[in-house]
């Protein structure tokens, strides 16, 4: 009888424990995994559509590629995404409307990287810096597509870093300024000069940042390190920024975008440093989460601590996981393989400096693109066909800094 009573008591205790787990633990898990987003006026459930996401990375005009091409993707951006569990397809900044439409309907998300693109925001004709104008128009067309896809119920994430972050906010701000006629981002700029080149800092969180999707799943331990002025994990490398007061004066920005962190440059001037979309999976950093694991320019003051690498990996994994909710796919695996960046070979920045020491080439590695976009082996300017070898990768040239 005693044994039977003890067994019954253990069963009761076990049932109580299970019940408590259901009541206490399960709601947190469900709440975290079933975040909903806006589709028009309806709430839409997030459902994982693929565990093999393919993410598009927008190329930039790149004179430092020499005879290997005229546009590029810095390799650290690619590795950041690949480390998160996704494959990468280049999206060419000078794509035609048809080319862009084709690729955007097959990738699961898009990444606007940092870099240095010269363009005059007061003009969009090709008589004034054609490459910059093309880049500006392409980012605008992509943003329209991202907004349209999300409004139609196809979860389509966008990540923007540094230069891409600035272009994203300019395009959104162009919709309408608070209490003023509609403005156009091509006729004015919301950006102003800041002193934040080669500048590692911590992140100063807003109330929205504490409750955000982006930082919500970050461990308490890492969150404290990111916010600590001791760690300085966020590497900034930009000469432009948007002041919080300027941001607040644009209706479209305040309606569509939540400011998660605000930081200050060397002179105490504030700038918006991290954002996320309120109605769509749009994310952006003025700083560079991708650099700590893969960029080795000795002039760059990049934190390389365990927490710095952990933060970089966290941000990359977060974006990749967001892209898993998108339903796009290529016609078949063979078609996808033709577009993947793995068809290309990245170049050592030191090797390019060996050829021309005057180049602005601060990056460890870079992908360069010629004209034969989807058949790189037939392009004589592609690195796979070049005589450039790893034997000259030991250049000791001093590397220059650009954003």
Protein backbone atom coordinates (compact mmCIF):
# COMPACT_ATOMS: atom_id res chain seq x y z
CA UNK A 1 0.00 0.00 0.00
CA UNK A 2 2.85 2.35 0.91
CA UNK A 3 4.56 1.74 -2.46
CA UNK A 4 1.35 2.38 -4.35
CA UNK A 5 0.77 5.63 -2.46
CA UNK A 6 4.31 6.81 -3.24
CA UNK A 7 3.87 5.99 -6.94
CA UNK A 8 0.60 7.91 -7.04
CA UNK A 9 2.24 10.90 -5.32
CA UNK A 10 5.11 10.89 -7.84
CA UNK A 11 2.65 10.80 -10.74
CA UNK A 12 0.74 13.75 -9.23
CA UNK A 13 3.97 15.74 -8.79
CA UNK A 14 5.02 14.93 -12.36
CA UNK A 15 1.66 16.09 -13.68
CA UNK A 16 1.98 19.33 -11.70
CA UNK A 17 5.46 19.96 -13.13
CA UNK A 18 4.28 19.33 -16.69
CA UNK A 19 1.29 21.61 -16.15
CA UNK A 20 3.52 24.40 -14.83
CA UNK A 21 5.85 24.04 -17.84
CA UNK A 22 2.89 24.37 -20.19
CA UNK A 23 1.57 27.42 -18.36
CA UNK A 24 4.89 29.20 -17.85
CA UNK A 25 7.35 28.10 -20.54
CA UNK A 26 5.19 27.36 -23.57
CA UNK A 27 3.63 30.83 -23.90
CA UNK A 28 7.12 32.39 -24.13
CA UNK A 29 8.14 29.97 -26.88
CA UNK A 30 4.94 30.43 -28.84
CA UNK A 31 5.08 34.19 -28.49
CA UNK A 32 8.65 34.22 -29.78
CA UNK A 33 8.09 31.88 -32.71
CA UNK A 34 4.76 33.16 -33.99
CA UNK A 35 5.37 36.88 -34.35
CA UNK A 36 2.86 38.36 -36.79
CA UNK A 37 3.33 41.13 -39.34
CA UNK A 38 1.02 43.50 -41.15
CA UNK A 39 -0.53 42.68 -44.52
CA UNK A 40 -2.64 45.70 -45.28
CA UNK A 41 -4.89 45.85 -42.21
CA UNK A 42 -4.67 42.12 -41.41
CA UNK A 43 -2.22 40.30 -39.18
CA UNK A 44 -0.32 37.52 -40.92
CA UNK A 45 1.21 34.46 -39.25
CA UNK A 46 4.90 33.74 -39.92
CA UNK A 47 5.39 30.23 -41.30
CA UNK A 48 8.78 28.75 -42.19
CA UNK A 49 8.79 28.15 -45.97
CA UNK A 50 12.33 26.91 -46.54
CA UNK A 51 15.37 25.67 -44.65
CA UNK A 52 17.58 26.41 -47.69
CA UNK A 53 17.31 30.21 -48.01
CA UNK A 54 18.93 32.07 -50.89
CA UNK A 55 19.75 35.72 -50.25
CA UNK A 56 20.55 38.36 -52.84
CA UNK A 57 23.44 40.77 -52.21
CA UNK A 58 23.42 44.00 -54.20
CA UNK A 59 26.69 44.79 -55.99
CA UNK A 60 28.39 48.20 -55.91
CA UNK A 61 30.34 50.14 -58.55
CA UNK A 62 34.01 49.34 -57.87
CA UNK A 63 36.92 51.01 -59.71
CA UNK A 64 39.43 49.12 -57.56
CA UNK A 65 38.58 45.86 -59.35
CA UNK A 66 40.87 46.99 -62.19
CA UNK A 67 40.51 44.75 -65.28
CA UNK A 68 38.64 42.10 -63.29
CA UNK A 69 35.36 43.97 -63.45
CA UNK A 70 33.52 47.17 -62.69
CA UNK A 71 31.33 46.12 -59.77
CA UNK A 72 31.90 44.17 -56.59
CA UNK A 73 30.72 42.58 -53.38
CA UNK A 74 33.07 42.64 -50.41
CA UNK A 75 33.61 39.03 -49.34
CA UNK A 76 33.00 39.62 -45.62
CA UNK A 77 29.36 40.44 -46.44
CA UNK A 78 29.00 37.09 -48.18
CA UNK A 79 30.63 35.09 -45.41
CA UNK A 80 28.41 36.78 -42.83
CA UNK A 81 25.33 35.45 -44.61
CA UNK A 82 26.80 32.03 -45.39
CA UNK A 83 27.80 31.57 -41.74
CA UNK A 84 24.15 32.13 -40.86
CA UNK A 85 23.08 29.21 -43.06
CA UNK A 86 22.15 30.72 -46.43
CA UNK A 87 23.45 30.75 -49.98
CA UNK A 88 24.19 33.97 -51.85
CA UNK A 89 23.21 35.25 -55.29
CA UNK A 90 24.64 38.53 -56.63
CA UNK A 91 22.07 41.16 -57.62
CA UNK A 92 23.68 43.56 -60.08
CA UNK A 93 23.19 47.26 -59.43
CA UNK A 94 22.93 47.96 -63.17
CA UNK A 95 20.31 45.25 -63.81
CA UNK A 96 17.54 45.96 -66.27
CA UNK A 97 13.99 45.97 -64.94
CA UNK A 98 13.43 42.48 -66.36
CA UNK A 99 16.66 41.10 -64.83
CA UNK A 100 15.82 42.59 -61.46
CA UNK A 101 12.24 41.33 -61.55
CA UNK A 102 13.45 37.81 -62.41
CA UNK A 103 15.90 37.55 -59.52
CA UNK A 104 13.72 39.26 -56.89
CA UNK A 105 10.95 36.74 -57.45
CA UNK A 106 13.34 33.86 -56.72
CA UNK A 107 15.46 34.96 -53.75
CA UNK A 108 14.27 34.86 -50.13
CA UNK A 109 15.69 38.20 -49.00
CA UNK A 110 17.96 41.07 -50.06
CA UNK A 111 21.03 42.73 -48.53
CA UNK A 112 22.20 46.32 -49.23
CA UNK A 113 25.85 46.36 -48.13
CA UNK A 114 28.09 49.17 -47.02
CA UNK A 115 30.62 50.71 -49.38
CA UNK A 116 31.54 53.93 -51.14
CA UNK A 117 29.29 55.03 -54.01
CA UNK A 118 29.53 58.53 -55.43
CA UNK A 119 26.31 60.04 -56.66
CA UNK A 120 24.64 63.44 -56.67
CA UNK A 121 21.26 63.17 -54.89
CA UNK A 122 19.98 66.20 -56.80
CA UNK A 123 20.16 64.36 -60.14
CA UNK A 124 19.18 60.92 -61.42
CA UNK A 125 20.12 61.23 -65.09
CA UNK A 126 23.00 59.22 -66.43
CA UNK A 127 24.91 62.34 -67.46
CA UNK A 128 25.84 62.78 -63.81
CA UNK A 129 27.81 59.84 -62.36
CA UNK A 130 25.97 57.04 -64.18
CA UNK A 131 27.00 54.27 -61.79
CA UNK A 132 25.80 56.16 -58.70
CA UNK A 133 22.52 57.06 -60.37
CA UNK A 134 21.93 53.44 -61.40
CA UNK A 135 22.67 52.24 -57.88
CA UNK A 136 20.25 54.79 -56.44
CA UNK A 137 17.43 53.79 -58.79
CA UNK A 138 18.03 50.06 -58.28
CA UNK A 139 17.83 50.34 -54.48
CA UNK A 140 14.58 52.27 -54.89
CA UNK A 141 13.08 49.62 -57.19
CA UNK A 142 14.11 46.87 -54.79
CA UNK A 143 12.52 48.66 -51.84
CA UNK A 144 9.26 49.01 -53.79
CA UNK A 145 9.37 45.27 -54.45
CA UNK A 146 10.04 44.46 -50.78
CA UNK A 147 7.12 46.60 -49.65
CA UNK A 148 4.79 45.15 -52.28
CA UNK A 149 5.70 41.54 -51.48
CA UNK A 150 5.10 42.04 -47.76
CA UNK A 151 1.80 43.83 -48.38
CA UNK A 152 0.71 40.86 -50.53
CA UNK A 153 1.54 38.34 -47.82
CA UNK A 154 4.94 37.09 -49.00
CA UNK A 155 7.35 37.73 -46.13
CA UNK A 156 10.36 39.39 -47.79
CA UNK A 157 13.20 40.60 -45.50
CA UNK A 158 15.65 43.38 -46.33
CA UNK A 159 18.88 44.15 -44.46
CA UNK A 160 20.82 47.37 -45.04
CA UNK A 161 24.25 48.26 -43.65
CA UNK A 162 26.08 51.63 -43.65
CA UNK A 163 25.72 52.98 -47.21
CA UNK A 164 22.73 50.68 -47.74
CA UNK A 165 21.25 51.90 -44.44
CA UNK A 166 21.53 55.51 -45.61
CA UNK A 167 19.92 54.79 -48.98
CA UNK A 168 17.11 52.84 -47.33
CA UNK A 169 16.19 55.70 -44.99
CA UNK A 170 16.41 58.27 -47.79
CA UNK A 171 14.00 56.28 -49.93
CA UNK A 172 11.53 55.78 -47.07
CA UNK A 173 11.74 59.44 -46.07
CA UNK A 174 10.89 60.47 -49.64
CA UNK A 175 7.29 59.35 -49.10
CA UNK A 176 6.22 62.29 -46.96
CA UNK A 177 7.62 64.73 -44.41
CA UNK A 178 5.54 65.53 -41.35
CA UNK A 179 3.30 68.59 -41.80
CA UNK A 180 4.84 69.40 -45.17
CA UNK A 181 4.36 68.61 -48.87
CA UNK A 182 5.76 65.36 -50.16
CA UNK A 183 9.52 65.45 -50.56
CA UNK A 184 11.73 63.53 -52.94
CA UNK A 185 14.92 61.89 -51.73
CA UNK A 186 16.54 62.59 -55.09
CA UNK A 187 16.12 66.36 -54.66
CA UNK A 188 17.29 66.60 -51.04
CA UNK A 189 19.08 64.49 -48.50
CA UNK A 190 18.21 63.72 -44.89
CA UNK A 191 21.86 62.96 -44.13
CA UNK A 192 24.46 65.21 -42.55
CA UNK A 193 28.15 64.93 -41.79
CA UNK A 194 29.31 62.99 -38.74
CA UNK A 195 32.75 62.05 -37.45
CA UNK A 196 32.39 58.28 -37.16
CA UNK A 197 34.99 56.74 -39.47
CA UNK A 198 37.01 53.88 -37.98
CA UNK A 199 35.03 54.30 -34.76
CA UNK A 200 34.13 51.34 -32.51
CA UNK A 201 31.37 52.12 -29.97
CA UNK A 202 28.68 50.45 -27.90
CA UNK A 203 24.98 50.62 -28.77
CA UNK A 204 22.68 52.93 -26.83
CA UNK A 205 19.25 51.32 -26.85
CA UNK A 206 15.96 53.17 -27.11
CA UNK A 207 12.77 51.86 -25.51
CA UNK A 208 11.89 50.34 -28.89
CA UNK A 209 15.26 48.60 -28.97
CA UNK A 210 14.58 46.76 -25.71
CA UNK A 211 11.33 45.39 -27.14
CA UNK A 212 12.46 44.84 -30.72
CA UNK A 213 12.32 41.70 -32.84
CA UNK A 214 16.00 42.13 -33.74
CA UNK A 215 17.37 42.25 -30.19
CA UNK A 216 14.51 40.42 -28.47
CA UNK A 217 16.07 36.97 -28.84
CA UNK A 218 19.59 38.10 -27.90
CA UNK A 219 20.85 36.54 -24.67
CA UNK A 220 21.00 38.79 -21.62
CA UNK A 221 24.73 38.22 -21.40
CA UNK A 222 25.39 39.36 -24.97
CA UNK A 223 22.89 42.22 -24.71
CA UNK A 224 24.78 43.63 -21.69
CA UNK A 225 28.08 43.38 -23.57
CA UNK A 226 26.67 45.12 -26.66
CA UNK A 227 25.35 47.98 -24.50
CA UNK A 228 28.52 48.26 -22.41
CA UNK A 229 30.87 51.18 -23.22
CA UNK A 230 33.76 48.87 -22.34
CA UNK A 231 33.22 46.37 -25.15
CA UNK A 232 32.76 48.81 -28.07
CA UNK A 233 31.55 45.97 -30.30
CA UNK A 234 29.79 48.09 -32.97
CA UNK A 235 32.31 49.13 -35.63
CA UNK A 236 31.30 52.36 -37.41
CA UNK A 237 33.01 53.60 -40.56
CA UNK A 238 30.90 56.38 -42.03
CA UNK A 239 31.06 60.13 -42.61
CA UNK A 240 27.29 60.64 -42.92
CA UNK A 241 24.37 59.94 -40.61
CA UNK A 242 20.80 60.90 -39.82
CA UNK A 243 20.11 62.92 -36.68
CA UNK A 244 17.24 61.62 -34.50
CA UNK A 245 15.45 64.98 -34.78
CA UNK A 246 15.66 64.85 -38.57
CA UNK A 247 14.36 61.29 -38.51
CA UNK A 248 11.43 62.34 -36.31
CA UNK A 249 10.45 65.12 -38.73
CA UNK A 250 9.62 62.68 -41.54
CA UNK A 251 6.19 61.11 -41.28
CA UNK A 252 7.05 58.09 -43.43
CA UNK A 253 10.07 57.29 -41.27
CA UNK A 254 8.20 57.47 -37.96
CA UNK A 255 5.26 55.49 -39.35
CA UNK A 256 7.30 52.76 -41.02
CA UNK A 257 10.57 52.53 -39.07
CA UNK A 258 11.39 51.99 -35.38
CA UNK A 259 14.68 53.41 -34.08
CA UNK A 260 16.36 50.77 -31.91
CA UNK A 261 19.67 52.47 -31.06
CA UNK A 262 21.01 56.03 -31.16
CA UNK A 263 24.72 56.75 -30.84
CA UNK A 264 27.08 59.72 -30.88
CA UNK A 265 30.11 60.49 -33.01
CA UNK A 266 33.48 61.66 -31.70
CA UNK A 267 32.13 65.19 -31.29
CA UNK A 268 28.98 64.18 -29.43
CA UNK A 269 26.69 64.50 -32.46
CA UNK A 270 23.81 62.00 -32.35
CA UNK A 271 22.92 59.67 -35.21
CA UNK A 272 20.44 56.83 -35.68
CA UNK A 273 22.44 53.59 -35.65
CA UNK A 274 20.01 50.62 -35.74
CA UNK A 275 16.45 50.34 -37.07
CA UNK A 276 13.74 47.82 -37.91
CA UNK A 277 10.49 48.07 -39.85
CA UNK A 278 7.24 48.43 -37.93
CA UNK A 279 5.11 46.77 -40.61
CA UNK A 280 7.62 44.76 -42.63
CA UNK A 281 10.81 42.71 -41.96
CA UNK A 282 13.19 45.56 -42.78
CA UNK A 283 16.37 45.89 -40.71
CA UNK A 284 19.35 48.22 -40.85
CA UNK A 285 22.57 49.17 -39.10
CA UNK A 286 24.69 52.25 -39.68
CA UNK A 287 27.50 50.14 -38.20
CA UNK A 288 29.09 46.95 -39.60
CA UNK A 289 28.08 43.65 -37.96
CA UNK A 290 29.77 41.65 -40.74
CA UNK A 291 33.37 42.81 -40.28
CA UNK A 292 34.69 41.29 -37.01
CA UNK A 293 35.11 37.67 -38.23
CA UNK A 294 36.51 38.39 -41.70
CA UNK A 295 38.18 41.80 -42.13
CA UNK A 296 41.83 42.09 -41.11
CA UNK A 297 42.90 45.60 -42.13
CA UNK A 298 45.31 46.53 -39.29
CA UNK A 299 44.20 50.17 -39.47
CA UNK A 300 40.59 49.31 -38.63
CA UNK A 301 39.81 49.34 -34.90
CA UNK A 302 37.49 46.33 -35.03
CA UNK A 303 36.71 44.49 -31.78
CA UNK A 304 37.69 40.82 -32.10
CA UNK A 305 36.72 39.52 -28.68
CA UNK A 306 34.58 36.42 -28.23
CA UNK A 307 31.53 38.63 -27.71
CA UNK A 308 32.28 40.67 -30.84
CA UNK A 309 32.27 37.52 -32.94
CA UNK A 310 29.17 36.26 -31.13
CA UNK A 311 27.33 39.50 -31.88
CA UNK A 312 28.31 39.37 -35.56
CA UNK A 313 27.10 35.78 -35.83
CA UNK A 314 23.89 36.57 -33.95
CA UNK A 315 22.96 39.37 -36.37
CA UNK A 316 23.75 37.25 -39.44
CA UNK A 317 21.78 34.27 -38.15
CA UNK A 318 18.84 36.50 -37.29
CA UNK A 319 18.62 37.85 -40.84
CA UNK A 320 19.02 34.41 -42.41
CA UNK A 321 16.31 32.98 -40.17
CA UNK A 322 13.98 35.81 -41.19
CA UNK A 323 14.52 34.85 -44.83
CA UNK A 324 13.30 31.31 -44.13
CA UNK A 325 9.74 32.68 -43.95
CA UNK A 326 9.83 33.71 -47.61
CA UNK A 327 8.25 31.33 -50.12
CA UNK A 328 10.27 32.22 -53.25
CA UNK A 329 12.35 29.60 -55.03
CA UNK A 330 14.22 29.03 -58.28
CA UNK A 331 12.77 26.80 -60.98
CA UNK A 332 15.16 23.99 -60.07
CA UNK A 333 18.51 23.38 -58.41
CA UNK A 334 20.42 23.53 -61.68
CA UNK A 335 19.05 27.01 -62.46
CA UNK A 336 19.91 28.16 -58.95
CA UNK A 337 23.48 26.87 -59.23
CA UNK A 338 24.06 29.06 -62.30
CA UNK A 339 23.30 32.16 -60.26
CA UNK A 340 25.11 31.31 -57.01
CA UNK A 341 28.12 33.34 -55.96
CA UNK A 342 30.01 30.08 -55.39
CA UNK A 343 30.60 30.11 -59.17
CA UNK A 344 32.95 33.03 -58.54
CA UNK A 345 36.37 33.34 -56.94
CA UNK A 346 37.06 36.21 -54.58
CA UNK A 347 40.25 38.21 -54.96
CA UNK A 348 42.73 39.06 -52.24
CA UNK A 349 42.80 42.79 -51.56
CA UNK A 350 46.57 42.54 -51.07
CA UNK A 351 46.93 41.01 -54.54
CA UNK A 352 45.11 43.93 -56.13
CA UNK A 353 47.39 46.33 -54.23
CA UNK A 354 50.39 44.44 -55.60
CA UNK A 355 49.17 45.32 -59.09
CA UNK A 356 48.36 48.94 -58.24
CA UNK A 357 49.51 50.26 -54.84
CA UNK A 358 47.50 53.47 -55.33
CA UNK A 359 44.14 51.67 -55.11
CA UNK A 360 41.58 52.34 -52.39
CA UNK A 361 41.41 48.72 -51.28
CA UNK A 362 41.04 48.27 -47.50
CA UNK A 363 39.27 44.90 -47.72
CA UNK A 364 40.76 41.47 -47.08
CA UNK A 365 38.90 39.90 -50.02
CA UNK A 366 36.51 41.10 -52.71
CA UNK A 367 34.39 39.62 -55.50
CA UNK A 368 34.72 41.43 -58.84
CA UNK A 369 32.22 41.11 -61.67
CA UNK A 370 32.61 41.56 -65.41
CA UNK A 371 29.91 41.43 -68.05
CA UNK A 372 29.34 37.67 -68.41
CA UNK A 373 27.21 37.62 -65.26
CA UNK A 374 25.66 34.17 -65.40
CA UNK A 375 28.51 32.35 -67.10
CA UNK A 376 31.60 33.59 -65.25
CA UNK A 377 33.96 31.02 -66.76
CA UNK A 378 33.48 32.63 -70.18
CA UNK A 379 34.42 36.08 -68.90
CA UNK A 380 38.16 36.71 -69.46
CA UNK A 381 38.12 39.35 -66.73
CA UNK A 382 36.79 36.96 -64.11
CA UNK A 383 39.29 35.91 -61.45
CA UNK A 384 38.90 32.22 -62.36
CA UNK A 385 40.45 32.99 -65.73
CA UNK A 386 43.09 35.34 -64.39
CA UNK A 387 46.75 34.67 -63.78
CA UNK A 388 46.55 36.34 -60.40
CA UNK A 389 47.76 33.76 -57.87
CA UNK A 390 48.00 33.47 -54.14
CA UNK A 391 51.79 33.70 -54.34
CA UNK A 392 51.64 37.49 -54.43
CA UNK A 393 49.11 37.77 -51.60
CA UNK A 394 51.79 38.72 -49.07
CA UNK A 395 51.78 42.41 -49.95
CA UNK A 396 52.68 44.66 -47.05
CA UNK A 397 51.14 47.75 -48.67
CA UNK A 398 49.46 50.11 -46.24
CA UNK A 399 45.71 49.80 -46.73
CA UNK A 400 43.46 52.82 -46.98
CA UNK A 401 40.22 53.36 -45.16
CA UNK A 402 36.87 53.92 -46.81
CA UNK A 403 33.44 53.23 -45.37
